Amino acid sequence: MEATINEKAMKAIGTYLERRGFEILESGWAHGTDGVDFIAREDGDLVFVVAEITEDRGDGFPEEKVDRAALEKAATAYLAKSDGNADCAIRFDFVSMLVIRDSRAFLRHHRNCLSEA
């Protein structure tokens, strides 16, 4: 069975994160209706990553919208269920991917996307 474009894109995003030194702890993690595409460690930080993927239709990158409340609820649920993550910084990242064709895509990575700065 061949993977869908969305599945290939999520795998590519995971590979991108790993190549940049992220240790992927979870992928596709959900708690109720709140979910996170990747939970990873980077330099001691616990990073919750949301990914948005779209195929190129001439509109550019996907809209970069992040539901702060849902992300924070998912992070709280993850921390409540996991051991060893209590004493670390928490960060939320957003990765958007614009798929040009089967083997081409643009990727943007916004670190600390909930920061006010």
PDB file of N, CA and C in Angstrom:
ATOM      1  N   MET A   1       0.844  -1.181   0.000  1.00  0.00           N
ATOM      2  CA  MET A   1       0.000   0.000   0.000  1.00  0.00           C
ATOM      3  C   MET A   1       0.891   1.246   0.000  1.00  0.00           C
ATOM      4  N   GLU A   2       0.639   2.138  -0.917  1.00  0.00           N
ATOM      5  CA  GLU A   2       1.450   3.350  -1.042  1.00  0.00           C
ATOM      6  C   GLU A   2       0.975   4.414  -0.052  1.00  0.00           C
ATOM      7  N   ALA A   3       1.939   5.107   0.526  1.00  0.00           N
ATOM      8  CA  ALA A   3       1.633   6.159   1.491  1.00  0.00           C
ATOM      9  C   ALA A   3       1.005   7.359   0.787  1.00  0.00           C
ATOM     10  N   THR A   4       0.113   8.035   1.492  1.00  0.00           N
ATOM     11  CA  THR A   4      -0.495   9.256   0.953  1.00  0.00           C
ATOM     12  C   THR A   4       0.516  10.391   1.022  1.00  0.00           C
ATOM     13  N   ILE A   5       0.217  11.465   0.324  1.00  0.00           N
ATOM     14  CA  ILE A   5       1.101  12.636   0.364  1.00  0.00           C
ATOM     15  C   ILE A   5       1.215  13.157   1.792  1.00  0.00           C
ATOM     16  N   ASN A   6       0.113  13.159   2.524  1.00  0.00           N
ATOM     17  CA  ASN A   6       0.132  13.635   3.906  1.00  0.00           C
ATOM     18  C   ASN A   6       1.043  12.758   4.771  1.00  0.00           C
ATOM     19  N   GLU A   7       0.961  11.438   4.598  1.00  0.00           N
ATOM     20  CA  GLU A   7       1.818  10.523   5.361  1.00  0.00           C
ATOM     21  C   GLU A   7       3.291  10.736   5.015  1.00  0.00           C
ATOM     22  N   LYS A   8       3.577  10.905   3.722  1.00  0.00           N
ATOM     23  CA  LYS A   8       4.961  11.154   3.294  1.00  0.00           C
ATOM     24  C   LYS A   8       5.462  12.482   3.868  1.00  0.00           C
ATOM     25  N   ALA A   9       4.605  13.487   3.855  1.00  0.00           N
ATOM     26  CA  ALA A   9       4.995  14.800   4.371  1.00  0.00           C
ATOM     27  C   ALA A   9       5.272  14.736   5.870  1.00  0.00           C
ATOM     28  N   MET A  10       4.435  14.027   6.620  1.00  0.00           N
ATOM     29  CA  MET A  10       4.670  13.893   8.067  1.00  0.00           C
ATOM     30  C   MET A  10       5.977  13.154   8.333  1.00  0.00           C
ATOM     31  N   LYS A  11       6.250  12.141   7.556  1.00  0.00           N
ATOM     32  CA  LYS A  11       7.521  11.422   7.705  1.00  0.00           C
ATOM     33  C   LYS A  11       8.691  12.353   7.400  1.00  0.00           C
ATOM     34  N   ALA A  12       8.566  13.162   6.357  1.00  0.00           N
ATOM     35  CA  ALA A  12       9.623  14.108   5.991  1.00  0.00           C
ATOM     36  C   ALA A  12       9.841  15.145   7.097  1.00  0.00           C
ATOM     37  N   ILE A  13       8.773  15.602   7.715  1.00  0.00           N
ATOM     38  CA  ILE A  13       8.896  16.565   8.815  1.00  0.00           C
ATOM     39  C   ILE A  13       9.608  15.912   9.997  1.00  0.00           C
ATOM     40  N   GLY A  14       9.273  14.672  10.301  1.00  0.00           N
ATOM     41  CA  GLY A  14       9.961  13.944  11.361  1.00  0.00           C
ATOM     42  C   GLY A  14      11.448  13.812  11.072  1.00  0.00           C
ATOM     43  N   THR A  15      11.787  13.489   9.836  1.00  0.00           N
ATOM     44  CA  THR A  15      13.189  13.379   9.426  1.00  0.00           C
ATOM     45  C   THR A  15      13.885  14.730   9.546  1.00  0.00           C
ATOM     46  N   TYR A  16      13.224  15.790   9.107  1.00  0.00           N
ATOM     47  CA  TYR A  16      13.772  17.140   9.228  1.00  0.00           C
ATOM     48  C   TYR A  16      14.120  17.458  10.690  1.00  0.00           C
ATOM     49  N   LEU A  17      13.179  17.181  11.586  1.00  0.00           N
ATOM     50  CA  LEU A  17      13.409  17.467  13.003  1.00  0.00           C
ATOM     51  C   LEU A  17      14.590  16.656  13.544  1.00  0.00           C
ATOM     52  N   GLU A  18      14.646  15.377  13.210  1.00  0.00           N
ATOM     53  CA  GLU A  18      15.738  14.525  13.686  1.00  0.00           C
ATOM     54  C   GLU A  18      17.092  15.010  13.165  1.00  0.00           C
ATOM     55  N   ARG A  19      17.144  15.428  11.927  1.00  0.00           N
ATOM     56  CA  ARG A  19      18.409  15.919  11.351  1.00  0.00           C
ATOM     57  C   ARG A  19      18.874  17.212  12.018  1.00  0.00           C
ATOM     58  N   ARG A  20      17.957  17.915  12.634  1.00  0.00           N
ATOM     59  CA  ARG A  20      18.314  19.143  13.343  1.00  0.00           C
ATOM     60  C   ARG A  20      18.522  18.913  14.834  1.00  0.00           C
ATOM     61  N   GLY A  21      18.622  17.661  15.221  1.00  0.00           N
ATOM     62  CA  GLY A  21      18.971  17.325  16.591  1.00  0.00           C
ATOM     63  C   GLY A  21      17.813  17.067  17.534  1.00  0.00           C
ATOM     64  N   PHE A  22      16.600  17.044  17.023  1.00  0.00           N
ATOM     65  CA  PHE A  22      15.448  16.726  17.855  1.00  0.00           C
ATOM     66  C   PHE A  22      15.393  15.213  18.078  1.00  0.00           C
ATOM     67  N   GLU A  23      15.074  14.813  19.283  1.00  0.00           N
ATOM     68  CA  GLU A  23      14.807  13.405  19.575  1.00  0.00           C
ATOM     69  C   GLU A  23      13.293  13.254  19.632  1.00  0.00           C
ATOM     70  N   ILE A  24      12.725  12.553  18.667  1.00  0.00           N
ATOM     71  CA  ILE A  24      11.274  12.377  18.610  1.00  0.00           C
ATOM     72  C   ILE A  24      10.856  11.380  19.693  1.00  0.00           C
ATOM     73  N   LEU A  25      10.006  11.832  20.602  1.00  0.00           N
ATOM     74  CA  LEU A  25       9.495  10.975  21.667  1.00  0.00           C
ATOM     75  C   LEU A  25       8.157  10.349  21.287  1.00  0.00           C
ATOM     76  N   GLU A  26       7.332  11.127  20.617  1.00  0.00           N
ATOM     77  CA  GLU A  26       5.993  10.675  20.206  1.00  0.00           C
ATOM     78  C   GLU A  26       5.655  11.318  18.860  1.00  0.00           C
ATOM     79  N   SER A  27       4.865  10.615  18.075  1.00  0.00           N
ATOM     80  CA  SER A  27       4.302  11.243  16.870  1.00  0.00           C
ATOM     81  C   SER A  27       2.821  10.907  16.830  1.00  0.00           C
ATOM     82  N   GLY A  28       2.033  11.884  16.440  1.00  0.00           N
ATOM     83  CA  GLY A  28       0.584  11.697  16.396  1.00  0.00           C
ATOM     84  C   GLY A  28      -0.030  11.484  17.768  1.00  0.00           C
ATOM     85  N   TRP A  29       0.488  12.161  18.776  1.00  0.00           N
ATOM     86  CA  TRP A  29       0.002  11.982  20.151  1.00  0.00           C
ATOM     87  C   TRP A  29      -1.288  12.771  20.348  1.00  0.00           C
ATOM     88  N   ALA A  30      -2.272  12.133  20.977  1.00  0.00           N
ATOM     89  CA  ALA A  30      -3.553  12.798  21.209  1.00  0.00           C
ATOM     90  C   ALA A  30      -4.074  12.491  22.598  1.00  0.00           C
ATOM     91  N   HIS A  31      -4.817  13.442  23.115  1.00  0.00           N
ATOM     92  CA  HIS A  31      -5.530  13.295  24.379  1.00  0.00           C
ATOM     93  C   HIS A  31      -6.925  13.853  24.138  1.00  0.00           C
ATOM     94  N   GLY A  32      -7.890  12.969  24.025  1.00  0.00           N
ATOM     95  CA  GLY A  32      -9.239  13.423  23.682  1.00  0.00           C
ATOM     96  C   GLY A  32      -9.223  14.034  22.294  1.00  0.00           C
ATOM     97  N   THR A  33      -9.742  15.238  22.183  1.00  0.00           N
ATOM     98  CA  THR A  33      -9.773  15.918  20.890  1.00  0.00           C
ATOM     99  C   THR A  33      -8.540  16.783  20.649  1.00  0.00           C
ATOM    100  N   ASP A  34      -7.670  16.900  21.653  1.00  0.00           N
ATOM    101  CA  ASP A  34      -6.460  17.719  21.524  1.00  0.00           C
ATOM    102  C   ASP A  34      -5.290  16.834  21.113  1.00  0.00           C
ATOM    103  N   GLY A  35      -4.549  17.265  20.112  1.00  0.00           N
ATOM    104  CA  GLY A  35      -3.437  16.455  19.640  1.00  0.00           C
ATOM    105  C   GLY A  35      -2.236  17.290  19.262  1.00  0.00           C
ATOM    106  N   VAL A  36      -1.120  16.594  19.167  1.00  0.00           N
ATOM    107  CA  VAL A  36       0.149  17.201  18.781  1.00  0.00           C
ATOM    108  C   VAL A  36       0.786  16.251  17.774  1.00  0.00           C
ATOM    109  N   ASP A  37       1.338  16.802  16.699  1.00  0.00           N
ATOM    110  CA  ASP A  37       1.919  15.953  15.659  1.00  0.00           C
ATOM    111  C   ASP A  37       3.217  15.289  16.112  1.00  0.00           C
ATOM    112  N   PHE A  38       4.052  16.025  16.827  1.00  0.00           N
ATOM    113  CA  PHE A  38       5.303  15.471  17.346  1.00  0.00           C
ATOM    114  C   PHE A  38       5.557  16.024  18.739  1.00  0.00           C
ATOM    115  N   ILE A  39       6.090  15.163  19.601  1.00  0.00           N
ATOM    116  CA  ILE A  39       6.616  15.596  20.886  1.00  0.00           C
ATOM    117  C   ILE A  39       8.075  15.175  20.860  1.00  0.00           C
ATOM    118  N   ALA A  40       8.956  16.136  21.122  1.00  0.00           N
ATOM    119  CA  ALA A  40      10.385  15.873  20.961  1.00  0.00           C
ATOM    120  C   ALA A  40      11.183  16.570  22.053  1.00  0.00           C
ATOM    121  N   ARG A  41      12.432  16.180  22.152  1.00  0.00           N
ATOM    122  CA  ARG A  41      13.401  16.858  23.020  1.00  0.00           C
ATOM    123  C   ARG A  41      14.438  17.529  22.135  1.00  0.00           C
ATOM    124  N   GLU A  42      14.777  18.752  22.505  1.00  0.00           N
ATOM    125  CA  GLU A  42      15.873  19.462  21.847  1.00  0.00           C
ATOM    126  C   GLU A  42      16.614  20.253  22.907  1.00  0.00           C
ATOM    127  N   ASP A  43      17.875  19.953  23.087  1.00  0.00           N
ATOM    128  CA  ASP A  43      18.725  20.655  24.045  1.00  0.00           C
ATOM    129  C   ASP A  43      18.067  20.778  25.417  1.00  0.00           C
ATOM    130  N   GLY A  44      17.452  19.733  25.887  1.00  0.00           N
ATOM    131  CA  GLY A  44      16.826  19.728  27.208  1.00  0.00           C
ATOM    132  C   GLY A  44      15.406  20.267  27.248  1.00  0.00           C
ATOM    133  N   ASP A  45      14.969  20.921  26.179  1.00  0.00           N
ATOM    134  CA  ASP A  45      13.592  21.421  26.114  1.00  0.00           C
ATOM    135  C   ASP A  45      12.658  20.306  25.649  1.00  0.00           C
ATOM    136  N   LEU A  46      11.456  20.316  26.161  1.00  0.00           N
ATOM    137  CA  LEU A  46      10.406  19.441  25.664  1.00  0.00           C
ATOM    138  C   LEU A  46       9.614  20.270  24.655  1.00  0.00           C
ATOM    139  N   VAL A  47       9.557  19.801  23.409  1.00  0.00           N
ATOM    140  CA  VAL A  47       8.976  20.588  22.319  1.00  0.00           C
ATOM    141  C   VAL A  47       7.740  19.889  21.765  1.00  0.00           C
ATOM    142  N   PHE A  48       6.639  20.623  21.741  1.00  0.00           N
ATOM    143  CA  PHE A  48       5.389  20.146  21.150  1.00  0.00           C
ATOM    144  C   PHE A  48       5.288  20.789  19.769  1.00  0.00           C
ATOM    145  N   VAL A  49       5.228  19.949  18.738  1.00  0.00           N
ATOM    146  CA  VAL A  49       5.277  20.439  17.359  1.00  0.00           C
ATOM    147  C   VAL A  49       3.949  20.161  16.657  1.00  0.00           C
ATOM    148  N   VAL A  50       3.384  21.211  16.091  1.00  0.00           N
ATOM    149  CA  VAL A  50       2.185  21.112  15.265  1.00  0.00           C
ATOM    150  C   VAL A  50       2.623  21.282  13.815  1.00  0.00           C
ATOM    151  N   ALA A  51       2.116  20.424  12.933  1.00  0.00           N
ATOM    152  CA  ALA A  51       2.467  20.496  11.520  1.00  0.00           C
ATOM    153  C   ALA A  51       1.215  20.765  10.695  1.00  0.00           C
ATOM    154  N   GLU A  52       1.371  21.586   9.695  1.00  0.00           N
ATOM    155  CA  GLU A  52       0.282  21.877   8.756  1.00  0.00           C
ATOM    156  C   GLU A  52       0.831  21.640   7.353  1.00  0.00           C
ATOM    157  N   ILE A  53       0.142  20.828   6.584  1.00  0.00           N
ATOM    158  CA  ILE A  53       0.609  20.428   5.256  1.00  0.00           C
ATOM    159  C   ILE A  53      -0.462  20.794   4.234  1.00  0.00           C
ATOM    160  N   THR A  54      -0.024  21.338   3.114  1.00  0.00           N
ATOM    161  CA  THR A  54      -0.957  21.617   2.031  1.00  0.00           C
ATOM    162  C   THR A  54      -0.267  21.357   0.700  1.00  0.00           C
ATOM    163  N   GLU A  55      -1.056  20.961  -0.282  1.00  0.00           N
ATOM    164  CA  GLU A  55      -0.533  20.789  -1.633  1.00  0.00           C
ATOM    165  C   GLU A  55      -0.627  22.126  -2.351  1.00  0.00           C
ATOM    166  N   ASP A  56       0.345  22.385  -3.220  1.00  0.00           N
ATOM    167  CA  ASP A  56       0.412  23.662  -3.923  1.00  0.00           C
ATOM    168  C   ASP A  56      -0.738  23.797  -4.908  1.00  0.00           C
ATOM    169  N   ARG A  57      -1.529  24.819  -4.684  1.00  0.00           N
ATOM    170  CA  ARG A  57      -2.617  25.169  -5.602  1.00  0.00           C
ATOM    171  C   ARG A  57      -2.508  26.647  -5.987  1.00  0.00           C
ATOM    172  N   GLY A  58      -1.316  27.197  -5.764  1.00  0.00           N
ATOM    173  CA  GLY A  58      -1.076  28.589  -6.097  1.00  0.00           C
ATOM    174  C   GLY A  58      -1.390  29.554  -4.971  1.00  0.00           C
ATOM    175  N   ASP A  59      -1.800  29.038  -3.805  1.00  0.00           N
ATOM    176  CA  ASP A  59      -2.166  29.898  -2.685  1.00  0.00           C
ATOM    177  C   ASP A  59      -1.022  30.109  -1.699  1.00  0.00           C
ATOM    178  N   GLY A  60       0.097  29.427  -1.897  1.00  0.00           N
ATOM    179  CA  GLY A  60       1.230  29.567  -0.981  1.00  0.00           C
ATOM    180  C   GLY A  60       1.123  28.637   0.214  1.00  0.00           C
ATOM    181  N   PHE A  61       1.880  28.983   1.246  1.00  0.00           N
ATOM    182  CA  PHE A  61       1.944  28.146   2.444  1.00  0.00           C
ATOM    183  C   PHE A  61       0.596  28.060   3.147  1.00  0.00           C
ATOM    184  N   PRO A  62       0.418  26.973   3.921  1.00  0.00           N
ATOM    185  CA  PRO A  62      -0.823  26.866   4.696  1.00  0.00           C
ATOM    186  C   PRO A  62      -0.917  27.988   5.716  1.00  0.00           C
ATOM    187  N   GLU A  63      -2.130  28.330   6.060  1.00  0.00           N
ATOM    188  CA  GLU A  63      -2.338  29.350   7.090  1.00  0.00           C
ATOM    189  C   GLU A  63      -1.722  28.868   8.392  1.00  0.00           C
ATOM    190  N   GLU A  64      -0.997  29.741   9.032  1.00  0.00           N
ATOM    191  CA  GLU A  64      -0.314  29.369  10.268  1.00  0.00           C
ATOM    192  C   GLU A  64      -1.192  29.738  11.453  1.00  0.00           C
ATOM    193  N   LYS A  65      -2.065  28.809  11.771  1.00  0.00           N
ATOM    194  CA  LYS A  65      -2.977  29.030  12.886  1.00  0.00           C
ATOM    195  C   LYS A  65      -2.696  27.980  13.953  1.00  0.00           C
ATOM    196  N   VAL A  66      -2.580  28.434  15.163  1.00  0.00           N
ATOM    197  CA  VAL A  66      -2.296  27.538  16.273  1.00  0.00           C
ATOM    198  C   VAL A  66      -3.333  27.797  17.355  1.00  0.00           C
ATOM    199  N   ASP A  67      -3.959  26.725  17.813  1.00  0.00           N
ATOM    200  CA  ASP A  67      -4.934  26.815  18.891  1.00  0.00           C
ATOM    201  C   ASP A  67      -4.175  26.699  20.218  1.00  0.00           C
ATOM    202  N   ARG A  68      -3.863  27.838  20.803  1.00  0.00           N
ATOM    203  CA  ARG A  68      -3.056  27.887  22.026  1.00  0.00           C
ATOM    204  C   ARG A  68      -3.663  27.044  23.147  1.00  0.00           C
ATOM    205  N   ALA A  69      -4.948  27.194  23.377  1.00  0.00           N
ATOM    206  CA  ALA A  69      -5.599  26.471  24.469  1.00  0.00           C
ATOM    207  C   ALA A  69      -5.507  24.960  24.260  1.00  0.00           C
ATOM    208  N   ALA A  70      -5.751  24.494  23.040  1.00  0.00           N
ATOM    209  CA  ALA A  70      -5.684  23.059  22.755  1.00  0.00           C
ATOM    210  C   ALA A  70      -4.264  22.531  22.923  1.00  0.00           C
ATOM    211  N   LEU A  71      -3.280  23.306  22.460  1.00  0.00           N
ATOM    212  CA  LEU A  71      -1.881  22.883  22.621  1.00  0.00           C
ATOM    213  C   LEU A  71      -1.495  22.807  24.095  1.00  0.00           C
ATOM    214  N   GLU A  72      -1.880  23.801  24.855  1.00  0.00           N
ATOM    215  CA  GLU A  72      -1.538  23.807  26.279  1.00  0.00           C
ATOM    216  C   GLU A  72      -2.244  22.674  27.023  1.00  0.00           C
ATOM    217  N   LYS A  73      -3.486  22.362  26.644  1.00  0.00           N
ATOM    218  CA  LYS A  73      -4.195  21.235  27.266  1.00  0.00           C
ATOM    219  C   LYS A  73      -3.509  19.916  26.923  1.00  0.00           C
ATOM    220  N   ALA A  74      -3.098  19.753  25.678  1.00  0.00           N
ATOM    221  CA  ALA A  74      -2.402  18.531  25.272  1.00  0.00           C
ATOM    222  C   ALA A  74      -1.071  18.402  26.014  1.00  0.00           C
ATOM    223  N   ALA A  75      -0.346  19.502  26.137  1.00  0.00           N
ATOM    224  CA  ALA A  75       0.941  19.473  26.854  1.00  0.00           C
ATOM    225  C   ALA A  75       0.729  19.111  28.319  1.00  0.00           C
ATOM    226  N   THR A  76      -0.279  19.685  28.930  1.00  0.00           N
ATOM    227  CA  THR A  76      -0.575  19.384  30.334  1.00  0.00           C
ATOM    228  C   THR A  76      -0.923  17.914  30.508  1.00  0.00           C
ATOM    229  N   ALA A  77      -1.734  17.371  29.611  1.00  0.00           N
ATOM    230  CA  ALA A  77      -2.112  15.958  29.679  1.00  0.00           C
ATOM    231  C   ALA A  77      -0.889  15.060  29.481  1.00  0.00           C
ATOM    232  N   TYR A  78      -0.031  15.422  28.545  1.00  0.00           N
ATOM    233  CA  TYR A  78       1.172  14.624  28.294  1.00  0.00           C
ATOM    234  C   TYR A  78       2.082  14.634  29.527  1.00  0.00           C
ATOM    235  N   LEU A  79       2.280  15.796  30.107  1.00  0.00           N
ATOM    236  CA  LEU A  79       3.147  15.896  31.285  1.00  0.00           C
ATOM    237  C   LEU A  79       2.567  15.130  32.469  1.00  0.00           C
ATOM    238  N   ALA A  80       1.257  15.140  32.600  1.00  0.00           N
ATOM    239  CA  ALA A  80       0.618  14.413  33.699  1.00  0.00           C
ATOM    240  C   ALA A  80       0.795  12.904  33.562  1.00  0.00           C
ATOM    241  N   LYS A  81       0.873  12.411  32.321  1.00  0.00           N
ATOM    242  CA  LYS A  81       0.979  10.973  32.076  1.00  0.00           C
ATOM    243  C   LYS A  81       2.415  10.471  31.968  1.00  0.00           C
ATOM    244  N   SER A  82       3.379  11.362  31.761  1.00  0.00           N
ATOM    245  CA  SER A  82       4.744  10.909  31.502  1.00  0.00           C
ATOM    246  C   SER A  82       5.633  11.093  32.719  1.00  0.00           C
ATOM    247  N   ASP A  83       6.657  10.273  32.776  1.00  0.00           N
ATOM    248  CA  ASP A  83       7.650  10.371  33.841  1.00  0.00           C
ATOM    249  C   ASP A  83       8.903  11.043  33.296  1.00  0.00           C
ATOM    250  N   GLY A  84       9.594  11.772  34.143  1.00  0.00           N
ATOM    251  CA  GLY A  84      10.886  12.318  33.772  1.00  0.00           C
ATOM    252  C   GLY A  84      10.867  13.595  32.963  1.00  0.00           C
ATOM    253  N   ASN A  85       9.711  14.195  32.732  1.00  0.00           N
ATOM    254  CA  ASN A  85       9.643  15.427  31.942  1.00  0.00           C
ATOM    255  C   ASN A  85       9.245  16.639  32.775  1.00  0.00           C
ATOM    256  N   ALA A  86       9.235  16.489  34.104  1.00  0.00           N
ATOM    257  CA  ALA A  86       8.706  17.551  34.952  1.00  0.00           C
ATOM    258  C   ALA A  86       9.644  18.745  35.088  1.00  0.00           C
ATOM    259  N   ASP A  87      10.936  18.536  34.983  1.00  0.00           N
ATOM    260  CA  ASP A  87      11.883  19.618  35.228  1.00  0.00           C
ATOM    261  C   ASP A  87      12.586  20.022  33.936  1.00  0.00           C
ATOM    262  N   CYS A  88      11.831  20.654  33.043  1.00  0.00           N
ATOM    263  CA  CYS A  88      12.410  21.092  31.774  1.00  0.00           C
ATOM    264  C   CYS A  88      11.590  22.258  31.230  1.00  0.00           C
ATOM    265  N   ALA A  89      12.192  22.964  30.298  1.00  0.00           N
ATOM    266  CA  ALA A  89      11.470  24.038  29.614  1.00  0.00           C
ATOM    267  C   ALA A  89      10.544  23.414  28.574  1.00  0.00           C
ATOM    268  N   ILE A  90       9.395  24.039  28.376  1.00  0.00           N
ATOM    269  CA  ILE A  90       8.412  23.587  27.393  1.00  0.00           C
ATOM    270  C   ILE A  90       8.370  24.614  26.273  1.00  0.00           C
ATOM    271  N   ARG A  91       8.309  24.120  25.043  1.00  0.00           N
ATOM    272  CA  ARG A  91       8.245  25.018  23.897  1.00  0.00           C
ATOM    273  C   ARG A  91       7.245  24.457  22.894  1.00  0.00           C
ATOM    274  N   PHE A  92       6.623  25.345  22.142  1.00  0.00           N
ATOM    275  CA  PHE A  92       5.673  24.961  21.095  1.00  0.00           C
ATOM    276  C   PHE A  92       6.208  25.461  19.761  1.00  0.00           C
ATOM    277  N   ASP A  93       6.354  24.548  18.799  1.00  0.00           N
ATOM    278  CA  ASP A  93       6.835  24.893  17.464  1.00  0.00           C
ATOM    279  C   ASP A  93       5.749  24.604  16.440  1.00  0.00           C
ATOM    280  N   PHE A  94       5.831  25.300  15.312  1.00  0.00           N
ATOM    281  CA  PHE A  94       4.891  25.101  14.212  1.00  0.00           C
ATOM    282  C   PHE A  94       5.706  24.846  12.949  1.00  0.00           C
ATOM    283  N   VAL A  95       5.392  23.777  12.236  1.00  0.00           N
ATOM    284  CA  VAL A  95       6.055  23.477  10.968  1.00  0.00           C
ATOM    285  C   VAL A  95       4.990  23.479   9.887  1.00  0.00           C
ATOM    286  N   SER A  96       5.216  24.282   8.852  1.00  0.00           N
ATOM    287  CA  SER A  96       4.295  24.270   7.718  1.00  0.00           C
ATOM    288  C   SER A  96       5.043  23.751   6.495  1.00  0.00           C
ATOM    289  N   MET A  97       4.343  22.930   5.721  1.00  0.00           N
ATOM    290  CA  MET A  97       4.944  22.364   4.519  1.00  0.00           C
ATOM    291  C   MET A  97       4.020  22.597   3.342  1.00  0.00           C
ATOM    292  N   LEU A  98       4.605  23.091   2.272  1.00  0.00           N
ATOM    293  CA  LEU A  98       3.895  23.285   1.016  1.00  0.00           C
ATOM    294  C   LEU A  98       4.444  22.249   0.039  1.00  0.00           C
ATOM    295  N   VAL A  99       3.620  21.273  -0.304  1.00  0.00           N
ATOM    296  CA  VAL A  99       4.041  20.194  -1.201  1.00  0.00           C
ATOM    297  C   VAL A  99       3.864  20.674  -2.639  1.00  0.00           C
ATOM    298  N   ILE A 100       4.983  20.743  -3.365  1.00  0.00           N
ATOM    299  CA  ILE A 100       4.964  21.213  -4.753  1.00  0.00           C
ATOM    300  C   ILE A 100       4.592  20.073  -5.691  1.00  0.00           C
ATOM    301  N   ARG A 101       5.245  18.948  -5.497  1.00  0.00           N
ATOM    302  CA  ARG A 101       4.919  17.710  -6.222  1.00  0.00           C
ATOM    303  C   ARG A 101       5.419  16.562  -5.368  1.00  0.00           C
ATOM    304  N   ASP A 102       5.276  15.357  -5.832  1.00  0.00           N
ATOM    305  CA  ASP A 102       5.555  14.168  -5.025  1.00  0.00           C
ATOM    306  C   ASP A 102       6.917  14.203  -4.329  1.00  0.00           C
ATOM    307  N   SER A 103       7.935  14.746  -4.973  1.00  0.00           N
ATOM    308  CA  SER A 103       9.268  14.734  -4.369  1.00  0.00           C
ATOM    309  C   SER A 103       9.823  16.131  -4.089  1.00  0.00           C
ATOM    310  N   ARG A 104       8.984  17.145  -4.058  1.00  0.00           N
ATOM    311  CA  ARG A 104       9.421  18.521  -3.802  1.00  0.00           C
ATOM    312  C   ARG A 104       8.478  19.211  -2.831  1.00  0.00           C
ATOM    313  N   ALA A 105       9.088  19.935  -1.897  1.00  0.00           N
ATOM    314  CA  ALA A 105       8.262  20.677  -0.939  1.00  0.00           C
ATOM    315  C   ALA A 105       9.082  21.803  -0.330  1.00  0.00           C
ATOM    316  N   PHE A 106       8.388  22.814   0.145  1.00  0.00           N
ATOM    317  CA  PHE A 106       8.993  23.876   0.945  1.00  0.00           C
ATOM    318  C   PHE A 106       8.559  23.660   2.382  1.00  0.00           C
ATOM    319  N   LEU A 107       9.457  23.942   3.314  1.00  0.00           N
ATOM    320  CA  LEU A 107       9.153  23.742   4.719  1.00  0.00           C
ATOM    321  C   LEU A 107       9.564  24.989   5.496  1.00  0.00           C
ATOM    322  N   ARG A 108       8.699  25.421   6.403  1.00  0.00           N
ATOM    323  CA  ARG A 108       9.013  26.525   7.320  1.00  0.00           C
ATOM    324  C   ARG A 108       8.866  26.016   8.731  1.00  0.00           C
ATOM    325  N   HIS A 109       9.816  26.374   9.579  1.00  0.00           N
ATOM    326  CA  HIS A 109       9.810  25.935  10.972  1.00  0.00           C
ATOM    327  C   HIS A 109       9.819  27.178  11.859  1.00  0.00           C
ATOM    328  N   HIS A 110       8.745  27.358  12.595  1.00  0.00           N
ATOM    329  CA  HIS A 110       8.630  28.487  13.521  1.00  0.00           C
ATOM    330  C   HIS A 110       8.830  27.966  14.937  1.00  0.00           C
ATOM    331  N   ARG A 111       9.965  28.320  15.510  1.00  0.00           N
ATOM    332  CA  ARG A 111      10.292  27.890  16.862  1.00  0.00           C
ATOM    333  C   ARG A 111       9.572  28.801  17.857  1.00  0.00           C
ATOM    334  N   ASN A 112       9.097  28.197  18.914  1.00  0.00           N
ATOM    335  CA  ASN A 112       8.448  28.949  19.990  1.00  0.00           C
ATOM    336  C   ASN A 112       7.312  29.804  19.429  1.00  0.00           C
ATOM    337  N   CYS A 113       6.421  29.178  18.701  1.00  0.00           N
ATOM    338  CA  CYS A 113       5.369  29.906  17.968  1.00  0.00           C
ATOM    339  C   CYS A 113       4.340  30.594  18.856  1.00  0.00           C
ATOM    340  N   LEU A 114       4.276  30.258  20.122  1.00  0.00           N
ATOM    341  CA  LEU A 114       3.324  30.923  21.014  1.00  0.00           C
ATOM    342  C   LEU A 114       3.925  32.110  21.753  1.00  0.00           C
ATOM    343  N   SER A 115       5.193  32.371  21.480  1.00  0.00           N
ATOM    344  CA  SER A 115       5.870  33.481  22.146  1.00  0.00           C
ATOM    345  C   SER A 115       5.271  34.813  21.699  1.00  0.00           C
ATOM    346  N   GLU A 116       5.197  35.720  22.622  1.00  0.00           N
ATOM    347  CA  GLU A 116       4.671  37.058  22.317  1.00  0.00           C
ATOM    348  C   GLU A 116       5.722  37.921  21.637  1.00  0.00           C
ATOM    349  N   ALA A 117       6.988  37.542  21.735  1.00  0.00           N
ATOM    350  CA  ALA A 117       8.088  38.353  21.174  1.00  0.00           C
ATOM    351  C   ALA A 117       8.239  38.163  19.699  1.00  0.00           C
TER     352      ALA A 117
END
